[in-house]
Amino acid sequence: MNNLDPTKLINEIVSRAPDAIMYADRDGIIRMWNKGAERIFGYLAEQAIGQSLDLIIPEKLRERHWEGYHKTMATGETRYGTELLAVPAMHQGGLRLSTEFSIVMLLDEENKPLGVAAIMRDVSERHAKEKKLRERLAELESGS
């Protein structure tokens, strides 16, 4: 593998990463979907590519998501530059997931947005454990 050119190496890393790595164009259409995204969300790349991000966004959060997404695409600015974001997402089977992710805004030669890449991780198990701990702590503090 030492003889791989940098482009092939990058493609191999992205393809095999256990985290979801995806890219959506300025219209919110999925254009890249790695094996990690397949594992986390349950959709094969062939099923996800060409679909709207609504594929993984819970219905009640879509309006808010699209307001922010379209504003970001219009202005080229996001308030989430280097922040780790935490949002619910949806698995193909309808299961709600807790995810954390970071984004990378991709720009054209004129610094206008082409779309957004995201690196996402399913933290549902950790989120559930933390919720139980918070509930137990509240129970103990209330004297129950």
N, C-alpha and C. Protein backbone atom coordinates (compact mmCIF):
# COMPACT_ATOMS: atom_id res chain seq x y z
N MET A 1 0.82 -1.20 0.00
CA MET A 1 0.00 0.00 0.00
C MET A 1 0.86 1.26 0.00
N ASN A 2 2.15 1.11 0.29
CA ASN A 2 3.06 2.25 0.29
C ASN A 2 3.19 2.89 -1.08
N ASN A 3 2.87 2.13 -2.12
CA ASN A 3 3.03 2.64 -3.48
C ASN A 3 1.78 3.32 -4.02
N LEU A 4 0.73 3.42 -3.21
CA LEU A 4 -0.49 4.08 -3.67
C LEU A 4 -0.25 5.57 -3.85
N ASP A 5 -0.80 6.10 -4.93
CA ASP A 5 -0.69 7.55 -5.07
C ASP A 5 -1.64 8.19 -4.07
N PRO A 6 -1.42 9.45 -3.73
CA PRO A 6 -2.21 10.11 -2.68
C PRO A 6 -3.72 10.06 -2.92
N THR A 7 -4.15 10.20 -4.17
CA THR A 7 -5.59 10.17 -4.47
C THR A 7 -6.18 8.81 -4.17
N LYS A 8 -5.49 7.75 -4.55
CA LYS A 8 -5.98 6.40 -4.27
C LYS A 8 -5.98 6.14 -2.77
N LEU A 9 -4.98 6.63 -2.08
CA LEU A 9 -4.90 6.45 -0.64
C LEU A 9 -6.07 7.15 0.06
N ILE A 10 -6.35 8.38 -0.33
CA ILE A 10 -7.47 9.12 0.24
C ILE A 10 -8.78 8.40 -0.04
N ASN A 11 -8.97 7.96 -1.27
CA ASN A 11 -10.19 7.23 -1.63
C ASN A 11 -10.36 5.97 -0.80
N GLU A 12 -9.25 5.27 -0.56
CA GLU A 12 -9.29 4.04 0.23
C GLU A 12 -9.66 4.33 1.69
N ILE A 13 -9.10 5.38 2.24
CA ILE A 13 -9.40 5.78 3.63
C ILE A 13 -10.87 6.15 3.76
N VAL A 14 -11.36 6.99 2.86
CA VAL A 14 -12.75 7.43 2.91
C VAL A 14 -13.70 6.24 2.74
N SER A 15 -13.40 5.40 1.79
CA SER A 15 -14.25 4.25 1.51
C SER A 15 -14.37 3.31 2.71
N ARG A 16 -13.26 3.05 3.38
CA ARG A 16 -13.23 2.05 4.45
C ARG A 16 -13.47 2.60 5.85
N ALA A 17 -13.56 3.89 6.00
CA ALA A 17 -13.73 4.49 7.34
C ALA A 17 -15.00 3.96 8.00
N PRO A 18 -14.91 3.65 9.30
CA PRO A 18 -16.10 3.16 10.01
C PRO A 18 -17.13 4.26 10.27
N ASP A 19 -16.71 5.51 10.27
CA ASP A 19 -17.64 6.62 10.41
C ASP A 19 -18.28 6.89 9.06
N ALA A 20 -19.48 7.45 9.09
CA ALA A 20 -20.14 7.84 7.85
C ALA A 20 -19.42 9.05 7.28
N ILE A 21 -19.05 8.97 6.03
CA ILE A 21 -18.49 10.12 5.33
C ILE A 21 -19.36 10.30 4.09
N MET A 22 -19.99 11.46 4.01
CA MET A 22 -20.90 11.71 2.90
C MET A 22 -20.74 13.13 2.39
N TYR A 23 -21.22 13.33 1.20
CA TYR A 23 -21.20 14.66 0.59
C TYR A 23 -22.56 14.91 -0.04
N ALA A 24 -23.11 16.11 0.21
CA ALA A 24 -24.35 16.54 -0.43
C ALA A 24 -24.08 17.83 -1.17
N ASP A 25 -24.62 17.93 -2.39
CA ASP A 25 -24.41 19.13 -3.19
C ASP A 25 -25.22 20.29 -2.65
N ARG A 26 -25.16 21.41 -3.32
CA ARG A 26 -25.81 22.63 -2.81
C ARG A 26 -27.33 22.49 -2.72
N ASP A 27 -27.91 21.53 -3.43
CA ASP A 27 -29.35 21.29 -3.35
C ASP A 27 -29.71 20.25 -2.29
N GLY A 28 -28.70 19.72 -1.59
CA GLY A 28 -28.96 18.74 -0.56
C GLY A 28 -29.14 17.33 -1.09
N ILE A 29 -28.62 17.09 -2.29
CA ILE A 29 -28.69 15.76 -2.89
C ILE A 29 -27.39 15.02 -2.56
N ILE A 30 -27.53 13.81 -2.07
CA ILE A 30 -26.37 13.00 -1.68
C ILE A 30 -25.60 12.59 -2.92
N ARG A 31 -24.30 12.90 -2.93
CA ARG A 31 -23.44 12.59 -4.08
C ARG A 31 -22.32 11.61 -3.72
N MET A 32 -22.05 11.46 -2.42
CA MET A 32 -21.04 10.51 -1.97
C MET A 32 -21.53 9.87 -0.68
N TRP A 33 -21.27 8.56 -0.52
CA TRP A 33 -21.80 7.79 0.62
C TRP A 33 -20.87 6.62 0.82
N ASN A 34 -20.14 6.59 1.91
CA ASN A 34 -19.13 5.53 2.10
C ASN A 34 -19.71 4.31 2.83
N LYS A 35 -18.84 3.32 3.05
CA LYS A 35 -19.25 2.09 3.74
C LYS A 35 -19.73 2.37 5.16
N GLY A 36 -19.10 3.33 5.83
CA GLY A 36 -19.52 3.70 7.17
C GLY A 36 -20.96 4.23 7.18
N ALA A 37 -21.31 5.01 6.16
CA ALA A 37 -22.68 5.52 6.04
C ALA A 37 -23.65 4.36 5.79
N GLU A 38 -23.22 3.40 5.00
CA GLU A 38 -24.05 2.21 4.76
C GLU A 38 -24.32 1.49 6.08
N ARG A 39 -23.27 1.32 6.86
CA ARG A 39 -23.38 0.60 8.14
C ARG A 39 -24.26 1.35 9.13
N ILE A 40 -24.07 2.64 9.26
CA ILE A 40 -24.79 3.44 10.25
C ILE A 40 -26.25 3.65 9.86
N PHE A 41 -26.50 3.97 8.60
CA PHE A 41 -27.85 4.35 8.18
C PHE A 41 -28.65 3.24 7.50
N GLY A 42 -27.97 2.16 7.09
CA GLY A 42 -28.67 1.02 6.52
C GLY A 42 -28.95 1.08 5.04
N TYR A 43 -28.60 2.17 4.39
CA TYR A 43 -28.79 2.30 2.95
C TYR A 43 -27.48 2.00 2.22
N LEU A 44 -27.53 1.19 1.18
CA LEU A 44 -26.36 1.00 0.34
C LEU A 44 -26.10 2.30 -0.42
N ALA A 45 -24.88 2.49 -0.86
CA ALA A 45 -24.53 3.70 -1.61
C ALA A 45 -25.46 3.89 -2.81
N GLU A 46 -25.78 2.78 -3.50
CA GLU A 46 -26.64 2.86 -4.69
C GLU A 46 -28.05 3.36 -4.33
N GLN A 47 -28.47 3.12 -3.09
CA GLN A 47 -29.79 3.57 -2.64
C GLN A 47 -29.77 5.03 -2.20
N ALA A 48 -28.64 5.47 -1.66
CA ALA A 48 -28.57 6.82 -1.08
C ALA A 48 -28.15 7.88 -2.10
N ILE A 49 -27.20 7.55 -2.95
CA ILE A 49 -26.69 8.55 -3.91
C ILE A 49 -27.81 8.96 -4.86
N GLY A 50 -27.97 10.27 -4.99
CA GLY A 50 -29.03 10.83 -5.82
C GLY A 50 -30.29 11.16 -5.04
N GLN A 51 -30.33 10.78 -3.76
CA GLN A 51 -31.47 11.06 -2.90
C GLN A 51 -31.23 12.33 -2.08
N SER A 52 -32.31 12.90 -1.60
CA SER A 52 -32.24 14.06 -0.72
C SER A 52 -31.72 13.64 0.66
N LEU A 53 -31.12 14.58 1.36
CA LEU A 53 -30.70 14.33 2.74
C LEU A 53 -31.87 13.97 3.65
N ASP A 54 -33.10 14.23 3.18
CA ASP A 54 -34.28 13.84 3.94
C ASP A 54 -34.26 12.35 4.26
N LEU A 55 -33.48 11.60 3.52
CA LEU A 55 -33.33 10.16 3.74
C LEU A 55 -32.96 9.85 5.19
N ILE A 56 -32.15 10.73 5.79
CA ILE A 56 -31.65 10.47 7.14
C ILE A 56 -32.08 11.52 8.17
N ILE A 57 -32.84 12.52 7.73
CA ILE A 57 -33.27 13.59 8.64
C ILE A 57 -34.67 13.27 9.15
N PRO A 58 -34.86 13.19 10.47
CA PRO A 58 -36.21 12.96 11.00
C PRO A 58 -37.17 14.02 10.49
N GLU A 59 -38.37 13.59 10.15
CA GLU A 59 -39.34 14.47 9.50
C GLU A 59 -39.57 15.77 10.26
N LYS A 60 -39.69 15.70 11.59
CA LYS A 60 -40.00 16.92 12.35
C LYS A 60 -38.83 17.91 12.39
N LEU A 61 -37.64 17.50 11.97
CA LEU A 61 -36.49 18.40 11.97
C LEU A 61 -36.16 18.93 10.58
N ARG A 62 -36.86 18.47 9.56
CA ARG A 62 -36.51 18.83 8.17
C ARG A 62 -36.64 20.30 7.87
N GLU A 63 -37.73 20.92 8.29
CA GLU A 63 -37.93 22.34 7.98
C GLU A 63 -36.78 23.18 8.52
N ARG A 64 -36.44 22.95 9.78
CA ARG A 64 -35.34 23.70 10.41
C ARG A 64 -34.01 23.41 9.70
N HIS A 65 -33.78 22.14 9.37
CA HIS A 65 -32.55 21.77 8.66
C HIS A 65 -32.44 22.53 7.35
N TRP A 66 -33.51 22.49 6.53
CA TRP A 66 -33.44 23.09 5.20
C TRP A 66 -33.32 24.61 5.26
N GLU A 67 -33.92 25.24 6.26
CA GLU A 67 -33.75 26.69 6.42
C GLU A 67 -32.27 27.01 6.57
N GLY A 68 -31.61 26.30 7.48
CA GLY A 68 -30.18 26.53 7.70
C GLY A 68 -29.33 26.13 6.50
N TYR A 69 -29.65 25.03 5.88
CA TYR A 69 -28.86 24.54 4.74
C TYR A 69 -28.92 25.53 3.58
N HIS A 70 -30.14 25.98 3.24
CA HIS A 70 -30.29 26.92 2.11
C HIS A 70 -29.62 28.26 2.42
N LYS A 71 -29.71 28.71 3.67
CA LYS A 71 -29.04 29.96 4.06
C LYS A 71 -27.52 29.81 3.91
N THR A 72 -27.00 28.66 4.34
CA THR A 72 -25.57 28.41 4.23
C THR A 72 -25.13 28.37 2.77
N MET A 73 -25.92 27.73 1.92
CA MET A 73 -25.58 27.66 0.50
C MET A 73 -25.66 29.03 -0.17
N ALA A 74 -26.58 29.88 0.30
CA ALA A 74 -26.73 31.22 -0.27
C ALA A 74 -25.61 32.16 0.16
N THR A 75 -25.17 32.02 1.42
CA THR A 75 -24.19 32.97 1.97
C THR A 75 -22.76 32.44 1.97
N GLY A 76 -22.63 31.11 1.94
CA GLY A 76 -21.30 30.52 2.03
C GLY A 76 -20.76 30.53 3.45
N GLU A 77 -21.61 30.86 4.41
CA GLU A 77 -21.18 30.93 5.80
C GLU A 77 -21.97 29.95 6.65
N THR A 78 -21.26 29.32 7.59
CA THR A 78 -21.92 28.45 8.55
C THR A 78 -21.38 28.77 9.92
N ARG A 79 -22.25 28.64 10.90
CA ARG A 79 -21.79 28.89 12.27
C ARG A 79 -21.18 27.64 12.87
N TYR A 80 -21.12 26.56 12.11
CA TYR A 80 -20.62 25.30 12.63
C TYR A 80 -19.24 24.94 12.12
N GLY A 81 -18.43 25.90 11.80
CA GLY A 81 -17.11 25.66 11.24
C GLY A 81 -16.34 24.47 11.79
N THR A 82 -15.92 24.53 13.04
CA THR A 82 -15.12 23.44 13.60
C THR A 82 -15.83 22.76 14.77
N GLU A 83 -17.09 23.10 14.99
CA GLU A 83 -17.84 22.51 16.09
C GLU A 83 -18.23 21.07 15.79
N LEU A 84 -18.33 20.29 16.84
CA LEU A 84 -18.89 18.95 16.73
C LEU A 84 -20.38 19.10 17.00
N LEU A 85 -21.19 18.70 16.04
CA LEU A 85 -22.63 18.85 16.15
C LEU A 85 -23.26 17.56 16.62
N ALA A 86 -24.34 17.67 17.35
CA ALA A 86 -25.08 16.50 17.81
C ALA A 86 -26.53 16.66 17.37
N VAL A 87 -27.00 15.71 16.54
CA VAL A 87 -28.38 15.76 16.06
C VAL A 87 -28.95 14.35 15.90
N PRO A 88 -30.27 14.25 15.99
CA PRO A 88 -30.90 12.97 15.70
C PRO A 88 -30.84 12.70 14.20
N ALA A 89 -30.83 11.43 13.85
CA ALA A 89 -30.87 11.02 12.44
C ALA A 89 -31.74 9.77 12.36
N MET A 90 -32.01 9.31 11.14
CA MET A 90 -32.87 8.16 10.94
C MET A 90 -32.14 7.04 10.19
N HIS A 91 -32.33 5.83 10.68
CA HIS A 91 -31.85 4.63 10.01
C HIS A 91 -32.91 4.20 9.00
N GLN A 92 -32.51 3.45 8.02
CA GLN A 92 -33.43 2.98 6.98
C GLN A 92 -34.66 2.29 7.58
N GLY A 93 -34.48 1.52 8.62
CA GLY A 93 -35.58 0.80 9.24
C GLY A 93 -36.49 1.66 10.11
N GLY A 94 -36.24 2.96 10.18
CA GLY A 94 -37.08 3.86 10.96
C GLY A 94 -36.55 4.12 12.36
N LEU A 95 -35.48 3.42 12.75
CA LEU A 95 -34.89 3.61 14.07
C LEU A 95 -34.25 5.00 14.14
N ARG A 96 -34.53 5.69 15.24
CA ARG A 96 -33.93 7.02 15.45
C ARG A 96 -32.55 6.84 16.04
N LEU A 97 -31.58 7.56 15.50
CA LEU A 97 -30.19 7.49 15.94
C LEU A 97 -29.78 8.81 16.56
N SER A 98 -28.84 8.75 17.49
CA SER A 98 -28.17 9.95 17.98
C SER A 98 -26.83 10.00 17.27
N THR A 99 -26.54 11.11 16.62
CA THR A 99 -25.29 11.22 15.87
C THR A 99 -24.51 12.46 16.29
N GLU A 100 -23.22 12.38 16.10
CA GLU A 100 -22.33 13.54 16.23
C GLU A 100 -21.58 13.64 14.91
N PHE A 101 -21.36 14.87 14.46
CA PHE A 101 -20.66 15.03 13.19
C PHE A 101 -20.00 16.39 13.06
N SER A 102 -19.07 16.44 12.16
CA SER A 102 -18.44 17.70 11.77
C SER A 102 -18.68 17.87 10.28
N ILE A 103 -18.64 19.12 9.83
CA ILE A 103 -18.87 19.39 8.42
C ILE A 103 -17.69 20.09 7.78
N VAL A 104 -17.63 19.93 6.47
CA VAL A 104 -16.62 20.61 5.67
C VAL A 104 -17.35 21.26 4.50
N MET A 105 -17.31 22.58 4.43
CA MET A 105 -17.94 23.30 3.32
C MET A 105 -16.98 23.25 2.14
N LEU A 106 -17.49 22.81 1.00
CA LEU A 106 -16.67 22.77 -0.21
C LEU A 106 -17.06 23.95 -1.10
N LEU A 107 -16.06 24.67 -1.57
CA LEU A 107 -16.28 25.90 -2.33
C LEU A 107 -15.70 25.77 -3.75
N ASP A 108 -16.28 26.52 -4.68
CA ASP A 108 -15.74 26.55 -6.03
C ASP A 108 -14.62 27.58 -6.12
N GLU A 109 -14.14 27.82 -7.33
CA GLU A 109 -13.02 28.76 -7.53
C GLU A 109 -13.36 30.19 -7.11
N GLU A 110 -14.66 30.51 -7.11
CA GLU A 110 -15.12 31.85 -6.73
C GLU A 110 -15.56 31.91 -5.26
N ASN A 111 -15.20 30.88 -4.49
CA ASN A 111 -15.58 30.77 -3.08
C ASN A 111 -17.08 30.68 -2.85
N LYS A 112 -17.80 30.14 -3.81
CA LYS A 112 -19.24 29.91 -3.66
C LYS A 112 -19.43 28.44 -3.28
N PRO A 113 -20.37 28.16 -2.39
CA PRO A 113 -20.57 26.79 -1.92
C PRO A 113 -20.98 25.82 -3.03
N LEU A 114 -20.30 24.68 -3.04
CA LEU A 114 -20.66 23.57 -3.92
C LEU A 114 -21.54 22.57 -3.16
N GLY A 115 -21.31 22.49 -1.85
CA GLY A 115 -22.03 21.56 -1.01
C GLY A 115 -21.30 21.35 0.29
N VAL A 116 -21.74 20.34 1.03
CA VAL A 116 -21.19 20.08 2.35
C VAL A 116 -20.85 18.60 2.50
N ALA A 117 -19.66 18.35 3.01
CA ALA A 117 -19.29 16.99 3.39
C ALA A 117 -19.47 16.88 4.90
N ALA A 118 -19.84 15.69 5.34
CA ALA A 118 -20.02 15.46 6.78
C ALA A 118 -19.34 14.15 7.16
N ILE A 119 -18.77 14.16 8.34
CA ILE A 119 -18.20 12.96 8.94
C ILE A 119 -19.04 12.71 10.18
N MET A 120 -19.77 11.58 10.18
CA MET A 120 -20.77 11.31 11.21
C MET A 120 -20.48 10.03 11.97
N ARG A 121 -20.86 10.03 13.23
CA ARG A 121 -20.68 8.85 14.09
C ARG A 121 -21.99 8.60 14.83
N ASP A 122 -22.37 7.33 14.92
CA ASP A 122 -23.55 6.94 15.69
C ASP A 122 -23.15 6.85 17.15
N VAL A 123 -23.76 7.68 17.99
CA VAL A 123 -23.46 7.68 19.43
C VAL A 123 -24.71 7.32 20.23
N SER A 124 -25.61 6.58 19.59
CA SER A 124 -26.89 6.23 20.22
C SER A 124 -26.70 5.48 21.53
N GLU A 125 -25.81 4.53 21.55
CA GLU A 125 -25.59 3.73 22.76
C GLU A 125 -25.09 4.59 23.91
N ARG A 126 -24.10 5.43 23.63
CA ARG A 126 -23.57 6.31 24.67
C ARG A 126 -24.64 7.29 25.13
N HIS A 127 -25.40 7.83 24.20
CA HIS A 127 -26.46 8.79 24.53
C HIS A 127 -27.49 8.15 25.45
N ALA A 128 -27.88 6.90 25.17
CA ALA A 128 -28.86 6.18 26.01
C ALA A 128 -28.31 5.96 27.42
N LYS A 129 -27.04 5.58 27.53
CA LYS A 129 -26.42 5.37 28.85
C LYS A 129 -26.38 6.68 29.64
N GLU A 130 -26.02 7.77 28.99
CA GLU A 130 -25.96 9.06 29.66
C GLU A 130 -27.34 9.50 30.13
N LYS A 131 -28.36 9.23 29.32
CA LYS A 131 -29.73 9.58 29.69
C LYS A 131 -30.15 8.81 30.94
N LYS A 132 -29.84 7.52 30.99
CA LYS A 132 -30.18 6.70 32.16
C LYS A 132 -29.46 7.22 33.40
N LEU A 133 -28.19 7.60 33.25
CA LEU A 133 -27.44 8.13 34.39
C LEU A 133 -28.05 9.44 34.89
N ARG A 134 -28.43 10.31 33.95
CA ARG A 134 -29.06 11.58 34.35
C ARG A 134 -30.37 11.33 35.09
N GLU A 135 -31.17 10.37 34.58
CA GLU A 135 -32.43 10.04 35.22
C GLU A 135 -32.20 9.48 36.62
N ARG A 136 -31.23 8.61 36.75
CA ARG A 136 -30.92 8.01 38.06
C ARG A 136 -30.42 9.06 39.04
N LEU A 137 -29.57 9.95 38.56
CA LEU A 137 -29.07 11.03 39.41
C LEU A 137 -30.22 11.93 39.89
N ALA A 138 -31.14 12.26 39.00
CA ALA A 138 -32.29 13.09 39.36
C ALA A 138 -33.14 12.37 40.40
N GLU A 139 -33.29 11.06 40.21
CA GLU A 139 -34.05 10.24 41.16
C GLU A 139 -33.40 10.29 42.55
N LEU A 140 -32.10 10.11 42.59
CA LEU A 140 -31.37 10.11 43.85
C LEU A 140 -31.42 11.47 44.53
N GLU A 141 -31.30 12.53 43.71
CA GLU A 141 -31.32 13.89 44.27
C GLU A 141 -32.70 14.25 44.81
N SER A 142 -33.75 13.67 44.24
CA SER A 142 -35.10 13.99 44.72
C SER A 142 -35.49 13.12 45.91
N GLY A 143 -34.61 12.17 46.27
CA GLY A 143 -34.86 11.35 47.44
C GLY A 143 -35.76 10.15 47.18
N SER A 144 -36.01 9.84 45.95
CA SER A 144 -36.88 8.69 45.63
C SER A 144 -36.21 7.38 45.89
